[in-house]
Amino acid sequence: MKKLLLMLTIFVSAATISQAKSLHELQQEFVNLKFGLFIHFGMGTYLNEDWADPEQPATLFNPQKLNCDQWADGAQSAGMSFGCISVKHHNGFCMWNTATTPYSVMNSGIARDVLKEFTDAMHRRNMKVMFHFSILDLREKILPRHIKPSDTDFIKAQLRELLTGYGPVTALMIDGWDAPWGRISYDDISFEDIYRYVKSIQPECLVMDLNGAKYPGDALFYSDLKTYEQGAGQRIDGSKAWLPSMSCDHLQPTWFWKSWFPSMELPSAESMVANNIIPKNEAGCTFIMNVAPNTDGLLDDNALQRLAEIGRLWKNNLKGIEIEEAPEPIISANIAKHRHATGSWSYDCEIHDFANDDNFRSCWVSNRAVKEPWLMIDLETEQEFNTVAITDNSECTLKAYALEYRKNGEWHKVFSGDAPTTRQVKIHRFNKVKGDAVRLTITGYNGEVAIAEIGVYNEKR
């Protein structure tokens, strides 16, 4: 009997593994969701601020009429298919029952697990659930140039609670990481480490870092989805977009509720449908609209009215766009970043190190007189790597080139020939090699040779 049970267990486990969805399938499912609710609710709600003072007492949070079913009903009335809640904003206040810190809803004026009530309300309506989570934590002093190994342990402990206590999580939206407002780099806290940790708990949870504006629109860097925060000036170009993506904005003027919201005129349902939902969906992008609950824990009447009006104008019954299969995202640390760069003759103000300065808007530009431009990144010591990503300028197209690495003073080719794609980002993945330099020699191109970034990565596969 025990042997039979063991065999059945192995069979079920194998079947579960074989049925695991591919990243492309998960991205397609996300795009098919089309439209969802975003909730920012917390300490900022009581301070008329988006970035709340992290020293305010937890008891300030006191929504005496809290009703997450009201939020979910409002979302359903608009035709939304999921809800995303900010479980921890930058001030560190936790919206769930956590053992990691006393700074949470359990020590607030109501002492209730808001996240549990939110997820239960969504699940009762068969709606998907997503979480927004800030890496930047002002309360715990997880700050730029102040990162300790224990900070990663703290973040993992919080993510484990979130990913084991509240059912399936469709996507985890991470904020404040390598972004202008957060400034905690992927070197400070390893993106790959956190990414793989999330997948080890919930393999089908998409991970998106809310820093999409930094990277070109032709490949996924540090995210399973291309992200656009419209309030930060990030806009999707529907004519060029091809990656599975998410765009978020707010119905009210800011993320967290302000005292004047109930009496203000909100954007029309017509504008939300015509300018956001439809064009985003047509570009393979799911739109997430924030509606902020008030200090009572309820959505304002004017917000509920607008949600219902949106639902009357837009019905989630259109066939979703079929997205192309994108290369696996780059998630590893870039070992070429800020290393010494040299190469063939360039223009005075656009010299070699612009190609590995971690800025996709600056470029190394080859002088037109050079027929076969080359660029070398000195890694300083021999290091293992298995991936190189080359990003050319949008006005330059690399047609052919050779990619080599140096070991013991000798150069070895990992690629030579026509560029694998005409898109802006060319990703080369190969068996692991070890070298102290990488060289790109360009043999064919259109326009002026301009390289925005060369990234070198040692991916854990």
Protein backbone atom coordinates (compact mmCIF):
# COMPACT_ATOMS: atom_id res chain seq x y z
CA MET A 1 0.00 0.00 0.00
CA LYS A 2 2.82 2.39 0.90
CA LYS A 3 4.54 1.61 -2.41
CA LEU A 4 1.30 2.31 -4.28
CA LEU A 5 0.86 5.65 -2.51
CA LEU A 6 4.48 6.54 -3.27
CA MET A 7 4.00 5.70 -6.94
CA LEU A 8 0.81 7.76 -7.07
CA THR A 9 2.61 10.69 -5.42
CA ILE A 10 5.43 10.51 -7.96
CA PHE A 11 2.90 10.28 -10.80
CA VAL A 12 0.93 13.31 -9.56
CA SER A 13 4.15 15.31 -9.01
CA ALA A 14 5.40 14.46 -12.50
CA ALA A 15 2.03 15.40 -14.00
CA THR A 16 2.09 18.71 -12.13
CA ILE A 17 5.56 19.48 -13.43
CA SER A 18 4.64 18.52 -17.00
CA GLN A 19 1.59 20.77 -16.88
CA ALA A 20 3.54 23.84 -15.72
CA LYS A 21 2.81 26.75 -18.00
CA SER A 22 5.54 28.39 -20.04
CA LEU A 23 6.42 32.03 -19.49
CA HIS A 24 4.85 32.85 -22.86
CA GLU A 25 1.58 31.20 -21.84
CA LEU A 26 1.53 33.15 -18.57
CA GLN A 27 2.25 36.40 -20.42
CA GLN A 28 -0.58 35.67 -22.86
CA GLU A 29 -2.97 35.02 -19.98
CA PHE A 30 -1.95 38.31 -18.39
CA VAL A 31 -2.54 40.25 -21.61
CA ASN A 32 -5.95 38.58 -21.91
CA LEU A 33 -6.96 40.03 -18.51
CA LYS A 34 -7.10 43.46 -20.19
CA PHE A 35 -8.32 45.64 -17.31
CA GLY A 36 -8.00 45.56 -13.53
CA LEU A 37 -8.30 47.48 -10.29
CA PHE A 38 -5.29 48.96 -8.47
CA ILE A 39 -5.67 49.79 -4.77
CA HIS A 40 -3.31 52.08 -2.84
CA PHE A 41 -4.47 52.17 0.76
CA GLY A 42 -2.45 52.69 3.91
CA MET A 43 -0.76 55.33 6.02
CA GLY A 44 -0.71 57.81 3.15
CA THR A 45 -4.53 57.72 3.11
CA TYR A 46 -4.55 59.47 6.52
CA LEU A 47 -1.83 62.02 5.74
CA ASN A 48 -2.92 63.40 2.34
CA GLU A 49 0.44 62.12 1.04
CA ASP A 50 1.56 59.43 -1.39
CA TRP A 51 4.90 58.98 0.39
CA ALA A 52 3.80 58.72 4.02
CA ASP A 53 5.97 59.54 7.04
CA PRO A 54 7.39 56.16 8.17
CA GLU A 55 7.51 57.32 11.79
CA GLN A 56 3.75 57.78 12.10
CA PRO A 57 2.20 55.28 14.55
CA ALA A 58 0.40 52.24 13.13
CA THR A 59 -2.72 53.24 15.07
CA LEU A 60 -3.21 56.15 12.67
CA PHE A 61 -4.54 53.61 10.17
CA ASN A 62 -8.16 53.20 11.30
CA PRO A 63 -10.76 52.49 8.56
CA GLN A 64 -13.84 51.84 10.69
CA LYS A 65 -16.10 50.99 7.71
CA LEU A 66 -13.59 48.88 5.78
CA ASN A 67 -15.38 46.83 3.12
CA CYS A 68 -13.26 45.07 0.52
CA ASP A 69 -16.39 43.54 -1.01
CA GLN A 70 -17.43 47.08 -1.97
CA TRP A 71 -14.12 47.49 -3.81
CA ALA A 72 -14.55 44.16 -5.60
CA ASP A 73 -18.15 44.97 -6.58
CA GLY A 74 -16.98 48.28 -8.01
CA ALA A 75 -14.28 46.50 -10.00
CA GLN A 76 -16.77 44.00 -11.37
CA SER A 77 -19.15 46.78 -12.37
CA ALA A 78 -16.37 48.22 -14.57
CA GLY A 79 -15.71 44.85 -16.24
CA MET A 80 -12.37 44.36 -14.48
CA SER A 81 -10.96 40.85 -14.22
CA PHE A 82 -8.47 41.23 -11.35
CA GLY A 83 -7.42 43.34 -8.42
CA CYS A 84 -3.93 44.51 -7.48
CA ILE A 85 -3.27 45.95 -4.02
CA SER A 86 -0.20 47.75 -2.68
CA VAL A 87 0.71 45.39 0.17
CA LYS A 88 3.63 47.59 1.27
CA HIS A 89 4.40 51.07 0.00
CA HIS A 90 7.69 52.92 0.46
CA ASN A 91 7.01 53.85 4.09
CA GLY A 92 7.08 50.17 5.09
CA PHE A 93 3.57 49.83 6.54
CA CYS A 94 2.36 46.25 5.90
CA MET A 95 -1.22 45.54 4.89
CA TRP A 96 -1.11 41.92 6.05
CA ASN A 97 -0.60 39.90 9.21
CA THR A 98 3.21 39.75 9.24
CA ALA A 99 5.72 38.36 11.71
CA THR A 100 8.53 40.47 10.20
CA THR A 101 7.60 43.82 11.78
CA PRO A 102 5.07 45.30 14.22
CA TYR A 103 4.44 48.07 11.70
CA SER A 104 1.33 46.53 10.16
CA VAL A 105 -2.45 46.53 10.07
CA MET A 106 -2.50 44.11 13.00
CA ASN A 107 -1.32 46.92 15.28
CA SER A 108 -3.53 49.55 13.64
CA GLY A 109 -6.81 51.04 14.82
CA ILE A 110 -8.73 48.04 13.46
CA ALA A 111 -6.27 45.11 13.91
CA ARG A 112 -7.55 43.26 10.83
CA ASP A 113 -5.69 41.53 8.00
CA VAL A 114 -6.71 43.83 5.16
CA LEU A 115 -4.91 41.74 2.56
CA LYS A 116 -6.83 38.62 3.60
CA GLU A 117 -10.12 40.48 3.30
CA PHE A 118 -9.08 41.85 -0.10
CA THR A 119 -7.96 38.51 -1.54
CA ASP A 120 -11.04 36.74 -0.18
CA ALA A 121 -13.30 39.35 -1.81
CA MET A 122 -11.54 38.87 -5.16
CA HIS A 123 -11.59 35.08 -4.97
CA ARG A 124 -15.32 35.05 -4.18
CA ARG A 125 -15.84 36.72 -7.55
CA ASN A 126 -13.34 34.51 -9.41
CA MET A 127 -11.09 37.50 -9.97
CA LYS A 128 -7.30 37.21 -10.15
CA VAL A 129 -5.07 38.73 -7.47
CA MET A 130 -1.85 40.72 -7.85
CA PHE A 131 0.41 42.44 -5.32
CA HIS A 132 2.39 45.70 -5.47
CA PHE A 133 5.44 45.57 -3.16
CA SER A 134 8.13 48.20 -2.48
CA ILE A 135 11.78 47.12 -2.18
CA LEU A 136 12.53 50.59 -0.84
CA ASP A 137 11.49 50.55 2.83
CA LEU A 138 11.91 53.83 4.73
CA ARG A 139 10.75 52.31 8.01
CA GLU A 140 13.31 49.49 7.96
CA LYS A 141 16.00 51.78 6.49
CA ILE A 142 16.35 49.65 3.35
CA LEU A 143 17.81 52.60 1.48
CA PRO A 144 20.31 53.42 -1.29
CA ARG A 145 23.96 52.91 -0.26
CA HIS A 146 22.76 51.36 3.00
CA ILE A 147 21.96 47.78 1.98
CA LYS A 148 22.96 44.88 4.24
CA PRO A 149 22.67 41.11 3.65
CA SER A 150 20.00 41.01 6.34
CA ASP A 151 17.83 43.30 4.17
CA THR A 152 17.54 40.60 1.52
CA ASP A 153 16.61 38.09 4.23
CA PHE A 154 13.92 40.50 5.50
CA ILE A 155 12.48 40.97 2.00
CA LYS A 156 12.42 37.22 1.39
CA ALA A 157 10.64 36.64 4.71
CA GLN A 158 7.94 39.12 3.71
CA LEU A 159 7.58 37.65 0.23
CA ARG A 160 7.28 34.14 1.68
CA GLU A 161 4.37 35.28 3.84
CA LEU A 162 2.69 36.97 0.90
CA LEU A 163 3.15 34.05 -1.47
CA THR A 164 2.12 31.29 0.93
CA GLY A 165 -0.75 32.82 2.90
CA TYR A 166 -3.10 34.33 0.34
CA GLY A 167 -3.60 31.86 -2.48
CA PRO A 168 -2.40 32.10 -6.10
CA VAL A 169 -0.79 35.43 -7.02
CA THR A 170 -0.93 36.18 -10.75
CA ALA A 171 1.75 38.87 -10.65
CA LEU A 172 4.06 40.60 -8.21
CA MET A 173 4.73 44.24 -9.12
CA ILE A 174 7.94 45.43 -7.45
CA ASP A 175 8.55 49.14 -6.96
CA GLY A 176 11.53 51.32 -6.01
CA TRP A 177 14.18 48.99 -7.44
CA ASP A 178 16.87 50.52 -9.67
CA ALA A 179 14.43 53.36 -10.30
CA PRO A 180 15.13 57.11 -10.00
CA TRP A 181 12.91 57.35 -6.92
CA GLY A 182 14.28 54.21 -5.24
CA ARG A 183 17.93 54.08 -6.33
CA ILE A 184 18.49 50.61 -4.86
CA SER A 185 20.37 48.84 -7.66
CA TYR A 186 20.21 45.24 -8.78
CA ASP A 187 23.75 44.94 -7.42
CA ASP A 188 22.64 46.09 -3.95
CA ILE A 189 19.85 43.50 -3.83
CA SER A 190 20.18 40.78 -6.45
CA PHE A 191 17.24 40.78 -8.82
CA GLU A 192 17.99 37.24 -9.94
CA ASP A 193 18.04 36.03 -6.33
CA ILE A 194 14.64 37.55 -5.52
CA TYR A 195 13.18 36.56 -8.90
CA ARG A 196 14.13 32.92 -8.49
CA TYR A 197 12.97 32.95 -4.88
CA VAL A 198 9.50 34.11 -5.94
CA LYS A 199 9.34 31.44 -8.66
CA SER A 200 10.43 28.75 -6.20
CA ILE A 201 7.30 29.47 -4.14
CA GLN A 202 4.80 30.28 -6.91
CA PRO A 203 6.26 29.24 -10.30
CA GLU A 204 3.37 30.84 -12.21
CA CYS A 205 3.62 34.23 -10.52
CA LEU A 206 4.81 36.83 -13.03
CA VAL A 207 7.43 39.20 -11.65
CA MET A 208 7.42 42.76 -12.95
CA ASP A 209 9.72 45.52 -11.83
CA LEU A 210 8.13 48.95 -12.18
CA ASN A 211 11.17 50.39 -13.97
CA GLY A 212 10.33 49.73 -17.59
CA ALA A 213 11.08 53.25 -18.79
CA LYS A 214 14.80 52.70 -18.31
CA TYR A 215 15.01 49.89 -20.84
CA PRO A 216 14.32 49.69 -24.59
CA GLY A 217 11.02 48.32 -25.78
CA ASP A 218 12.52 45.43 -27.74
CA ALA A 219 13.47 43.08 -24.90
CA LEU A 220 12.56 42.32 -21.32
CA PHE A 221 15.07 43.47 -18.74
CA TYR A 222 14.46 42.56 -15.08
CA SER A 223 10.79 41.89 -15.64
CA ASP A 224 8.46 39.24 -17.08
CA LEU A 225 6.40 42.10 -18.54
CA LYS A 226 7.22 45.48 -19.99
CA THR A 227 5.88 48.05 -17.52
CA TYR A 228 4.66 51.61 -17.94
CA GLU A 229 3.78 53.90 -15.05
CA GLN A 230 1.81 56.63 -16.79
CA GLY A 231 1.91 58.97 -13.80
CA ALA A 232 5.72 58.97 -14.11
CA GLY A 233 5.51 59.95 -17.78
CA GLN A 234 5.91 56.43 -19.19
CA ARG A 235 3.83 55.86 -22.30
CA ILE A 236 3.48 52.83 -24.53
CA ASP A 237 3.88 53.41 -28.27
CA GLY A 238 1.18 51.22 -29.74
CA SER A 239 2.69 51.41 -33.22
CA LYS A 240 5.98 49.84 -32.03
CA ALA A 241 4.98 47.82 -28.97
CA TRP A 242 5.24 44.04 -29.26
CA LEU A 243 6.21 42.87 -25.79
CA PRO A 244 3.55 41.68 -23.31
CA SER A 245 3.05 44.64 -21.04
CA MET A 246 1.27 46.43 -18.20
CA SER A 247 0.36 50.09 -17.96
CA CYS A 248 -0.95 51.66 -14.77
CA ASP A 249 -2.54 55.01 -13.97
CA HIS A 250 -4.98 56.47 -11.48
CA LEU A 251 -8.61 57.52 -11.84
CA GLN A 252 -8.08 60.19 -9.19
CA PRO A 253 -5.08 62.55 -9.46
CA THR A 254 -2.77 60.57 -7.13
CA TRP A 255 -2.25 57.03 -5.89
CA PHE A 256 -3.46 57.52 -2.32
CA TRP A 257 -6.76 59.15 -1.33
CA LYS A 258 -6.86 62.88 -0.64
CA SER A 259 -9.52 64.78 1.30
CA TRP A 260 -10.76 66.65 -1.78
CA PHE A 261 -11.34 63.55 -3.94
CA PRO A 262 -15.06 63.03 -3.09
CA SER A 263 -16.09 66.41 -4.50
CA MET A 264 -13.87 66.58 -7.60
CA GLU A 265 -14.84 65.86 -11.19
CA LEU A 266 -13.10 62.67 -12.25
CA PRO A 267 -11.95 61.83 -15.80
CA SER A 268 -14.86 60.69 -17.91
CA ALA A 269 -15.63 57.05 -18.55
CA GLU A 270 -15.38 57.81 -22.28
CA SER A 271 -11.79 59.07 -21.91
CA MET A 272 -10.73 56.08 -19.81
CA VAL A 273 -12.13 53.64 -22.34
CA ALA A 274 -11.01 55.44 -25.50
CA ASN A 275 -7.59 56.62 -24.31
CA ASN A 276 -6.53 53.80 -22.03
CA ILE A 277 -8.35 50.48 -22.08
CA ILE A 278 -8.89 50.00 -25.82
CA PRO A 279 -5.55 51.31 -27.20
CA LYS A 280 -3.55 49.53 -24.48
CA ASN A 281 -5.33 46.23 -25.11
CA GLU A 282 -4.75 46.56 -28.86
CA ALA A 283 -1.01 46.87 -28.14
CA GLY A 284 -0.91 43.71 -26.01
CA CYS A 285 -0.98 45.71 -22.79
CA THR A 286 -3.19 45.21 -19.74
CA PHE A 287 -4.37 48.44 -18.12
CA ILE A 288 -4.49 48.74 -14.31
CA MET A 289 -6.50 51.68 -12.96
CA ASN A 290 -5.98 52.86 -9.40
CA VAL A 291 -9.01 53.85 -7.34
CA ALA A 292 -8.07 54.95 -3.83
CA PRO A 293 -10.25 54.03 -0.82
CA ASN A 294 -10.97 56.80 1.69
CA THR A 295 -10.23 56.97 5.42
CA ASP A 296 -13.37 54.92 6.16
CA GLY A 297 -12.05 52.11 3.97
CA LEU A 298 -14.60 52.67 1.20
CA LEU A 299 -14.48 53.83 -2.41
CA ASP A 300 -16.05 57.27 -2.81
CA ASP A 301 -19.45 57.56 -4.49
CA ASN A 302 -18.08 59.49 -7.46
CA ALA A 303 -15.45 56.75 -8.04
CA LEU A 304 -18.08 53.99 -7.86
CA GLN A 305 -20.26 55.91 -10.31
CA ARG A 306 -17.37 56.23 -12.76
CA LEU A 307 -16.55 52.52 -12.51
CA ALA A 308 -20.14 51.62 -13.34
CA GLU A 309 -20.12 54.03 -16.30
CA ILE A 310 -16.94 52.43 -17.63
CA GLY A 311 -18.61 49.03 -17.39
CA ARG A 312 -21.57 50.22 -19.43
CA LEU A 313 -19.28 51.56 -22.17
CA TRP A 314 -16.73 48.75 -22.28
CA LYS A 315 -17.39 45.03 -22.17
CA ASN A 316 -14.59 42.52 -21.67
CA ASN A 317 -15.78 40.32 -24.52
CA LEU A 318 -13.31 41.19 -27.28
CA LYS A 319 -10.82 38.56 -28.34
CA GLY A 320 -7.43 39.26 -26.81
CA ILE A 321 -4.51 40.05 -29.07
CA GLU A 322 -2.12 37.15 -29.63
CA ILE A 323 1.33 38.26 -28.56
CA GLU A 324 4.64 37.19 -30.07
CA GLU A 325 6.94 34.99 -28.03
CA ALA A 326 9.63 37.19 -26.49
CA PRO A 327 13.09 36.00 -25.43
CA GLU A 328 13.49 35.08 -21.77
CA PRO A 329 14.04 38.23 -19.69
CA ILE A 330 17.49 39.35 -18.64
CA ILE A 331 17.50 38.95 -14.85
CA SER A 332 21.20 38.63 -13.92
CA ALA A 333 23.64 41.32 -12.81
CA ASN A 334 25.53 43.04 -15.62
CA ILE A 335 29.24 42.34 -15.01
CA ALA A 336 30.23 44.73 -17.83
CA LYS A 337 28.61 47.75 -16.21
CA HIS A 338 31.05 50.64 -15.64
CA ARG A 339 34.08 48.55 -16.64
CA HIS A 340 36.86 50.05 -18.74
CA ALA A 341 35.80 50.33 -22.39
CA THR A 342 37.93 51.05 -25.42
CA GLY A 343 37.70 50.60 -29.17
CA SER A 344 38.05 52.16 -32.59
CA TRP A 345 37.85 55.88 -33.29
CA SER A 346 34.70 57.55 -32.01
CA TYR A 347 33.30 61.06 -31.80
CA ASP A 348 34.66 63.24 -28.99
CA CYS A 349 31.49 63.48 -26.92
CA GLU A 350 30.29 59.92 -27.56
CA ILE A 351 33.21 57.78 -26.48
CA HIS A 352 33.42 54.11 -25.62
CA ASP A 353 32.22 54.01 -22.01
CA PHE A 354 28.78 55.28 -23.07
CA ALA A 355 28.22 51.69 -24.24
CA ASN A 356 28.35 50.25 -20.72
CA ASP A 357 27.27 53.12 -18.46
CA ASP A 358 23.89 51.50 -17.62
CA ASN A 359 22.13 54.29 -19.50
CA PHE A 360 20.26 53.23 -22.63
CA ARG A 361 19.88 56.83 -23.78
CA SER A 362 23.62 57.49 -24.18
CA CYS A 363 25.65 55.81 -26.94
CA TRP A 364 29.13 55.08 -28.14
CA VAL A 365 29.14 56.41 -31.71
CA SER A 366 31.76 55.23 -34.18
CA ASN A 367 33.41 57.76 -36.45
CA ARG A 368 32.10 57.41 -39.99
CA ALA A 369 35.63 56.99 -41.31
CA VAL A 370 36.02 53.62 -39.59
CA LYS A 371 34.90 50.78 -41.87
CA GLU A 372 34.82 47.97 -39.28
CA PRO A 373 34.19 49.55 -35.88
CA TRP A 374 35.08 47.57 -32.77
CA LEU A 375 34.46 47.96 -29.09
CA MET A 376 36.02 46.09 -26.16
CA ILE A 377 34.85 45.83 -22.56
CA ASP A 378 37.64 44.91 -20.13
CA LEU A 379 36.20 42.75 -17.32
CA GLU A 380 39.48 43.22 -15.39
CA THR A 381 39.61 39.62 -14.13
CA GLU A 382 38.60 36.32 -15.70
CA GLN A 383 34.92 35.76 -15.05
CA GLU A 384 32.33 33.21 -16.11
CA PHE A 385 29.45 34.34 -18.32
CA ASN A 386 26.96 32.86 -20.76
CA THR A 387 24.91 35.76 -22.11
CA VAL A 388 25.62 39.00 -23.96
CA ALA A 389 22.97 41.57 -24.87
CA ILE A 390 23.78 44.23 -27.46
CA THR A 391 21.49 47.24 -27.73
CA ASP A 392 22.03 49.49 -30.72
CA ASN A 393 20.61 52.94 -31.11
CA SER A 394 17.11 53.10 -32.57
CA GLU A 395 18.51 54.93 -35.62
CA CYS A 396 21.24 52.33 -36.22
CA THR A 397 20.75 48.74 -37.30
CA LEU A 398 23.53 46.22 -36.85
CA LYS A 399 23.42 43.77 -39.75
CA ALA A 400 26.49 41.60 -39.06
CA TYR A 401 29.17 41.33 -36.42
CA ALA A 402 31.52 39.08 -34.47
CA LEU A 403 31.34 38.63 -30.73
CA GLU A 404 34.44 37.32 -28.96
CA TYR A 405 35.87 36.80 -25.48
CA ARG A 406 39.51 36.86 -24.36
CA LYS A 407 41.07 34.07 -22.32
CA ASN A 408 44.78 33.85 -21.52
CA GLY A 409 45.46 36.59 -24.05
CA GLU A 410 43.73 34.80 -26.95
CA TRP A 411 40.41 35.70 -28.56
CA HIS A 412 37.65 33.13 -29.05
CA LYS A 413 34.43 33.60 -31.05
CA VAL A 414 31.01 32.96 -29.53
CA PHE A 415 29.15 34.41 -32.52
CA SER A 416 29.97 35.56 -36.04
CA GLY A 417 27.56 36.35 -38.84
CA ASP A 418 24.31 38.12 -39.56
CA ALA A 419 22.56 39.74 -36.60
CA PRO A 420 19.93 37.35 -35.18
CA THR A 421 17.22 40.03 -35.29
CA THR A 422 16.54 43.45 -36.73
CA ARG A 423 15.15 44.55 -33.38
CA GLN A 424 17.10 46.98 -31.24
CA VAL A 425 18.25 44.38 -28.68
CA LYS A 426 20.26 41.33 -29.76
CA ILE A 427 20.53 38.68 -27.03
CA HIS A 428 23.11 35.90 -27.34
CA ARG A 429 22.89 32.96 -24.94
CA PHE A 430 25.59 30.28 -25.12
CA ASN A 431 27.39 27.68 -23.03
CA LYS A 432 29.32 29.17 -20.15
CA VAL A 433 32.77 30.56 -20.98
CA LYS A 434 35.44 32.28 -18.92
CA GLY A 435 37.27 35.38 -20.01
CA ASP A 436 38.59 38.78 -18.97
CA ALA A 437 37.28 40.85 -21.91
CA VAL A 438 34.50 40.92 -24.51
CA ARG A 439 34.92 42.40 -27.98
CA LEU A 440 32.34 43.36 -30.59
CA THR A 441 33.52 43.83 -34.20
CA ILE A 442 30.88 45.23 -36.53
CA THR A 443 31.07 44.12 -40.16
CA GLY A 444 27.71 45.27 -41.51
CA TYR A 445 25.28 48.01 -40.56
CA ASN A 446 22.76 50.58 -41.72
CA GLY A 447 23.13 54.20 -40.72
CA GLU A 448 25.67 55.40 -38.17
CA VAL A 449 27.03 52.82 -35.74
CA ALA A 450 25.78 53.71 -32.26
CA ILE A 451 25.75 51.24 -29.38
CA ALA A 452 23.60 52.13 -26.38
CA GLU A 453 24.64 49.23 -24.14
CA ILE A 454 26.57 45.99 -24.09
CA GLY A 455 25.61 43.81 -21.16
CA VAL A 456 27.48 40.69 -20.05
CA TYR A 457 25.71 38.24 -17.74
CA ASN A 458 26.32 34.96 -15.97
CA GLU A 459 22.82 33.53 -15.84
CA LYS A 460 21.91 30.71 -13.48
CA ARG A 461 20.30 28.13 -15.74
